[in-house]
Amino acid sequence: MRRDEIADLAAFVVVAEERSFTKAAARLGMAQSALSQIVRRIEGRLGLRLLSRTTRSVAPTDAGERLIATLGPMLHDLDSAIASLGELRDRPSGTIRLTTVEHAAKTIIVPAMKRLLPDNPDITVEMTIDYGLADVVADRYDAGVRLGGEIAKDMIAVRIGPDIPMAIVGSPDYFRTRTVPASPAQLIDHRAINLRLPTSGTLNGWRLMRGGREARVRIDGPLILNTIDLILDAALDGHGLAYLPLDQVQGHLDEGRLVRVLGNPTPDLPGYHLYYPHRRHASSAFTLLVETLRFRE
């Protein structure tokens, strides 16, 4: 395969990832018209339509999806091999792309950057907040961060945080017209502020202990949101009960803006783990990030 054909295929993958010629052109630093020509050239060469185009969106066809599934990992390995050459330089360098949830970003990753970035000015860390179970290979992330127990078996997993105490909370305004629940069974009489999980499309079940066993409980409510910051704001505004990490609500509990209910019926969530595929060529920057985030009791 000629070098120009390899370059064309790499450009096609970027269009498929961005699902937009405009965004892909900006990412690649080239004209949108030139990028459209490249995709048409590939489709003509293969005799297959790889992208479905409308006035508002671009999406891979079945043939396009099959090509991406093959090319994505190969291009990621190539990027990693090139990035690993940074080990030959005096300082680690390069961009590390992470997919994470906001709680892990706020409590673990961003604080860790104070230890990593000041002494390593050639490293850039890009974080995308996403509650879905991202495919780090297909989506071309270097690594992801999720709770223990949510990570595919074929990934390398490194624990980066302790187990996470949870709390069920509501505002004093909410309880002015409602009785504080005395048992988990009484939660059915209350309204919840729920978190939508994008991967499954379901609502996040609250983990409670019943009869010595853990159970997932779902409670109806007036609001369904997709970030815990919004859920916390809604709880403070009195819209219902919220199931949130204790460290995110402790200050509000101390100041009386929230009330914790049911004592401690919620088991701790398993701590966050950094997960990534096995790499033959891990860059020195990525290795340094892993060691910076690694949880040490």
Protein backbone atom coordinates (compact mmCIF):
# COMPACT_ATOMS: atom_id res chain seq x y z
CA MET A 1 0.00 0.00 0.00
CA ARG A 2 1.32 3.44 -0.93
CA ARG A 3 1.97 6.09 1.69
CA ASP A 4 -0.72 8.39 0.28
CA GLU A 5 -3.28 5.59 0.60
CA ILE A 6 -2.33 5.09 4.26
CA ALA A 7 -2.71 8.83 4.86
CA ASP A 8 -6.14 8.76 3.18
CA LEU A 9 -7.32 5.92 5.43
CA ALA A 10 -6.08 7.74 8.54
CA ALA A 11 -8.06 10.82 7.48
CA PHE A 12 -11.18 8.68 6.91
CA VAL A 13 -10.92 7.32 10.48
CA VAL A 14 -10.85 10.88 11.86
CA VAL A 15 -14.00 11.80 9.91
CA ALA A 16 -15.73 8.66 11.21
CA GLU A 17 -14.67 9.42 14.80
CA GLU A 18 -15.79 13.05 14.67
CA ARG A 19 -18.92 12.23 12.60
CA SER A 20 -18.37 15.60 10.96
CA PHE A 21 -16.26 16.79 8.04
CA THR A 22 -16.01 20.24 9.64
CA LYS A 23 -14.67 18.94 12.98
CA ALA A 24 -12.38 16.43 11.28
CA ALA A 25 -10.95 19.12 9.00
CA ALA A 26 -10.22 21.33 12.02
CA ARG A 27 -8.58 18.43 13.85
CA LEU A 28 -6.42 17.56 10.84
CA GLY A 29 -5.66 21.16 9.89
CA MET A 30 -6.87 20.82 6.33
CA ALA A 31 -9.68 22.12 4.12
CA GLN A 32 -13.07 20.43 4.39
CA SER A 33 -13.27 20.16 0.59
CA ALA A 34 -9.94 18.31 0.50
CA LEU A 35 -11.16 15.92 3.18
CA SER A 36 -14.37 15.22 1.24
CA GLN A 37 -12.26 14.43 -1.83
CA ILE A 38 -10.15 11.99 0.18
CA VAL A 39 -13.20 10.07 1.38
CA ARG A 40 -14.68 9.96 -2.12
CA ARG A 41 -11.33 8.71 -3.43
CA ILE A 42 -11.27 5.86 -0.89
CA GLU A 43 -14.88 4.91 -1.65
CA GLY A 44 -14.11 4.93 -5.38
CA ARG A 45 -11.03 2.77 -4.87
CA LEU A 46 -12.96 0.22 -2.77
CA GLY A 47 -16.21 0.42 -4.73
CA LEU A 48 -18.10 0.77 -1.44
CA ARG A 49 -19.92 3.57 0.35
CA LEU A 50 -18.19 4.08 3.71
CA LEU A 51 -20.08 7.08 5.11
CA SER A 52 -23.74 8.05 5.10
CA ARG A 53 -24.00 11.82 4.74
CA THR A 54 -26.90 14.13 5.52
CA THR A 55 -26.99 17.91 5.84
CA ARG A 56 -26.54 17.56 9.61
CA SER A 57 -24.51 14.44 10.28
CA VAL A 58 -22.06 11.85 9.03
CA ALA A 59 -22.21 8.20 10.10
CA PRO A 60 -20.28 5.10 9.03
CA THR A 61 -22.07 2.50 6.91
CA ASP A 62 -21.69 -1.19 7.76
CA ALA A 63 -18.66 -1.33 5.47
CA GLY A 64 -17.29 1.79 7.13
CA GLU A 65 -17.75 0.31 10.60
CA ARG A 66 -15.85 -2.83 9.57
CA LEU A 67 -13.00 -0.76 8.18
CA ILE A 68 -12.83 1.39 11.33
CA ALA A 69 -12.79 -1.70 13.55
CA THR A 70 -9.68 -2.87 11.71
CA LEU A 71 -7.93 0.47 11.22
CA GLY A 72 -8.60 2.00 14.66
CA PRO A 73 -6.39 -0.34 16.71
CA MET A 74 -3.66 -0.32 14.04
CA LEU A 75 -3.50 3.49 13.99
CA HIS A 76 -3.59 3.63 17.78
CA ASP A 77 -0.60 1.26 17.95
CA LEU A 78 1.20 3.42 15.42
CA ASP A 79 0.52 6.55 17.50
CA SER A 80 1.79 4.75 20.62
CA ALA A 81 4.95 3.60 18.87
CA ILE A 82 5.70 7.13 17.71
CA ALA A 83 4.91 8.56 21.14
CA SER A 84 7.29 6.05 22.73
CA LEU A 85 10.14 7.68 20.85
CA GLY A 86 9.79 10.47 23.39
CA GLU A 87 11.73 8.22 25.74
CA LEU A 88 14.80 9.12 23.71
CA ARG A 89 14.35 12.78 24.64
CA ASP A 90 15.43 14.42 27.87
CA ARG A 91 11.83 14.94 29.04
CA PRO A 92 8.60 12.91 28.69
CA SER A 93 6.27 14.51 26.18
CA GLY A 94 3.04 14.08 24.27
CA THR A 95 -0.73 14.25 24.70
CA ILE A 96 -2.51 11.64 26.83
CA ARG A 97 -6.26 11.30 26.16
CA LEU A 98 -8.43 10.00 29.00
CA THR A 99 -12.13 9.19 29.27
CA THR A 100 -13.42 9.50 32.83
CA VAL A 101 -16.41 10.33 34.98
CA GLU A 102 -16.55 13.74 36.60
CA HIS A 103 -16.21 12.52 40.20
CA ALA A 104 -12.94 10.72 39.41
CA ALA A 105 -11.72 13.76 37.48
CA LYS A 106 -12.49 16.15 40.34
CA THR A 107 -11.29 14.03 43.26
CA ILE A 108 -8.36 12.10 41.79
CA ILE A 109 -7.12 13.07 38.33
CA VAL A 110 -7.13 16.89 38.49
CA PRO A 111 -5.49 16.94 41.97
CA ALA A 112 -2.85 14.50 40.68
CA MET A 113 -1.97 16.91 37.89
CA LYS A 114 -0.37 19.16 40.52
CA ARG A 115 2.22 16.42 40.99
CA LEU A 116 2.64 15.58 37.31
CA LEU A 117 2.42 18.65 35.11
CA PRO A 118 4.61 21.34 36.77
CA ASP A 119 7.74 19.20 36.37
CA ASN A 120 6.73 17.87 32.94
CA PRO A 121 5.80 20.86 30.77
CA ASP A 122 5.85 18.80 27.53
CA ILE A 123 2.99 16.54 28.70
CA THR A 124 -0.61 17.45 27.90
CA VAL A 125 -3.51 15.55 29.50
CA GLU A 126 -6.89 15.78 27.74
CA MET A 127 -9.90 14.53 29.70
CA THR A 128 -13.36 13.78 28.32
CA ILE A 129 -16.19 13.37 30.84
CA ASP A 130 -18.37 10.43 29.85
CA TYR A 131 -20.50 8.07 31.95
CA GLY A 132 -20.61 5.48 29.18
CA LEU A 133 -18.28 2.48 29.15
CA ALA A 134 -16.02 3.85 26.44
CA ASP A 135 -14.08 1.53 24.15
CA VAL A 136 -10.67 3.13 24.61
CA VAL A 137 -9.23 1.35 21.56
CA ALA A 138 -12.03 2.16 19.10
CA ASP A 139 -12.39 5.73 20.42
CA ARG A 140 -8.60 6.22 20.40
CA TYR A 141 -8.19 7.09 24.05
CA ASP A 142 -4.96 6.22 25.81
CA ALA A 143 -6.86 5.07 28.89
CA GLY A 144 -10.16 5.26 30.73
CA VAL A 145 -11.21 5.61 34.36
CA ARG A 146 -14.19 3.72 35.75
CA LEU A 147 -15.26 1.97 38.96
CA GLY A 148 -13.76 -1.39 39.75
CA GLY A 149 -16.01 -4.15 38.44
CA GLU A 150 -17.00 -2.18 35.33
CA ILE A 151 -13.82 -2.88 33.33
CA ALA A 152 -13.52 -5.44 30.55
CA LYS A 153 -11.41 -8.50 31.40
CA ASP A 154 -9.00 -7.93 28.51
CA MET A 155 -7.90 -4.53 29.85
CA ILE A 156 -5.02 -3.78 32.18
CA ALA A 157 -6.51 -2.19 35.31
CA VAL A 158 -4.62 -0.09 37.86
CA ARG A 159 -6.38 1.02 41.03
CA ILE A 160 -6.15 4.79 41.45
CA GLY A 161 -8.45 5.49 44.41
CA PRO A 162 -10.00 4.07 47.59
CA ASP A 163 -13.52 2.67 47.85
CA ILE A 164 -16.16 5.40 47.73
CA PRO A 165 -18.64 5.94 50.61
CA MET A 166 -22.07 6.94 49.34
CA ALA A 167 -24.94 8.86 50.96
CA ILE A 168 -28.64 9.44 50.37
CA VAL A 169 -29.41 13.10 51.00
CA GLY A 170 -32.20 15.63 50.76
CA SER A 171 -32.60 19.30 51.60
CA PRO A 172 -34.43 20.68 54.66
CA ASP A 173 -36.92 22.28 52.22
CA TYR A 174 -37.71 18.87 50.74
CA PHE A 175 -38.41 17.40 54.19
CA ARG A 176 -40.70 20.23 55.28
CA THR A 177 -43.64 18.39 53.69
CA ARG A 178 -42.31 14.82 53.93
CA THR A 179 -41.33 12.40 56.66
CA VAL A 180 -37.69 11.38 56.81
CA PRO A 181 -37.52 7.68 55.77
CA ALA A 182 -36.72 5.37 58.67
CA SER A 183 -35.97 2.30 56.52
CA PRO A 184 -35.02 1.57 52.91
CA ALA A 185 -38.56 0.28 52.29
CA GLN A 186 -39.94 3.78 52.98
CA LEU A 187 -37.94 5.24 50.09
CA ILE A 188 -40.81 4.24 47.81
CA ASP A 189 -42.80 7.15 49.30
CA HIS A 190 -40.15 9.65 48.18
CA ARG A 191 -39.03 11.32 44.97
CA ALA A 192 -35.56 10.74 43.57
CA ILE A 193 -33.21 12.73 41.37
CA ASN A 194 -31.83 10.08 39.04
CA LEU A 195 -28.72 9.62 36.91
CA ARG A 196 -29.12 8.29 33.36
CA LEU A 197 -26.40 5.84 32.27
CA PRO A 198 -25.65 6.39 28.57
CA THR A 199 -24.28 2.93 27.77
CA SER A 200 -27.34 0.98 28.92
CA GLY A 201 -29.85 3.82 28.73
CA THR A 202 -31.12 2.83 32.18
CA LEU A 203 -31.26 4.79 35.42
CA ASN A 204 -28.45 4.27 37.89
CA GLY A 205 -29.67 1.96 40.64
CA TRP A 206 -29.00 2.95 44.23
CA ARG A 207 -26.98 0.28 46.04
CA LEU A 208 -28.55 -0.57 49.41
CA MET A 209 -28.06 -3.34 51.96
CA ARG A 210 -31.12 -5.51 52.60
CA GLY A 211 -30.96 -8.49 54.89
CA GLY A 212 -27.19 -8.51 54.72
CA ARG A 213 -27.19 -8.48 50.91
CA GLU A 214 -26.63 -5.71 48.42
CA ALA A 215 -29.63 -4.75 46.29
CA ARG A 216 -30.12 -2.22 43.49
CA VAL A 217 -33.10 0.08 44.11
CA ARG A 218 -34.68 2.47 41.61
CA ILE A 219 -37.01 5.25 42.77
CA ASP A 220 -39.16 7.43 40.56
CA GLY A 221 -38.69 11.17 40.59
CA PRO A 222 -39.16 14.48 38.81
CA LEU A 223 -35.65 14.84 37.37
CA ILE A 224 -33.30 12.63 35.37
CA LEU A 225 -29.86 14.16 34.84
CA ASN A 226 -26.52 13.06 33.45
CA THR A 227 -23.96 14.56 35.85
CA ILE A 228 -23.60 14.40 39.62
CA ASP A 229 -22.98 18.15 39.82
CA LEU A 230 -26.47 18.78 38.42
CA ILE A 231 -27.94 16.14 40.75
CA LEU A 232 -26.33 17.85 43.73
CA ASP A 233 -27.71 21.23 42.65
CA ALA A 234 -31.18 19.73 42.26
CA ALA A 235 -31.00 18.15 45.71
CA LEU A 236 -29.99 21.49 47.24
CA ASP A 237 -32.99 23.06 45.48
CA GLY A 238 -35.33 20.56 47.17
CA HIS A 239 -36.41 18.52 44.14
CA GLY A 240 -35.89 15.14 45.80
CA LEU A 241 -33.49 12.68 47.35
CA ALA A 242 -30.10 12.12 45.76
CA TYR A 243 -27.63 9.23 45.89
CA LEU A 244 -24.18 10.80 45.81
CA PRO A 245 -20.57 10.26 46.89
CA LEU A 246 -20.22 11.30 50.52
CA ASP A 247 -17.19 13.48 49.79
CA GLN A 248 -19.30 15.59 47.40
CA VAL A 249 -22.00 16.34 49.99
CA GLN A 250 -20.08 16.38 53.31
CA GLY A 251 -19.64 20.16 53.32
CA HIS A 252 -23.36 20.69 52.71
CA LEU A 253 -24.19 18.21 55.49
CA ASP A 254 -21.88 20.04 57.90
CA GLU A 255 -23.51 23.37 57.03
CA GLY A 256 -27.07 22.03 57.28
CA ARG A 257 -27.92 22.55 53.61
CA LEU A 258 -28.50 18.81 53.22
CA VAL A 259 -29.70 16.02 55.51
CA ARG A 260 -28.39 12.47 55.30
CA VAL A 261 -31.05 9.79 55.67
CA LEU A 262 -31.02 6.12 56.71
CA GLY A 263 -27.64 6.34 58.42
CA ASN A 264 -25.35 4.09 56.43
CA PRO A 265 -27.40 1.54 54.43
CA THR A 266 -25.27 2.14 51.35
CA PRO A 267 -22.22 -0.06 50.72
CA ASP A 268 -19.09 1.67 49.49
CA LEU A 269 -18.59 1.63 45.73
CA PRO A 270 -15.42 -0.10 44.50
CA GLY A 271 -12.69 2.45 43.90
CA TYR A 272 -11.74 3.94 40.54
CA HIS A 273 -9.34 2.12 38.24
CA LEU A 274 -7.35 3.34 35.26
CA TYR A 275 -7.79 0.85 32.40
CA TYR A 276 -5.98 0.51 29.10
CA PRO A 277 -5.04 -2.17 26.55
CA HIS A 278 -1.71 -3.95 26.64
CA ARG A 279 0.89 -1.89 24.80
CA ARG A 280 4.21 -2.94 23.45
CA HIS A 281 5.26 0.71 23.16
CA ALA A 282 3.98 2.73 26.12
CA SER A 283 5.36 6.25 26.04
CA SER A 284 7.36 7.53 28.98
CA ALA A 285 4.66 10.20 29.47
CA PHE A 286 1.94 7.57 29.79
CA THR A 287 4.04 5.43 32.14
CA LEU A 288 4.62 8.51 34.30
CA LEU A 289 0.88 9.25 34.39
CA VAL A 290 0.10 5.69 35.51
CA GLU A 291 2.62 5.88 38.34
CA THR A 292 1.33 9.30 39.37
CA LEU A 293 -2.26 8.05 39.60
CA ARG A 294 -1.51 4.62 41.13
CA PHE A 295 -3.31 4.26 44.49
CA ARG A 296 -1.06 3.71 47.48
CA GLU A 297 -2.75 3.04 50.82
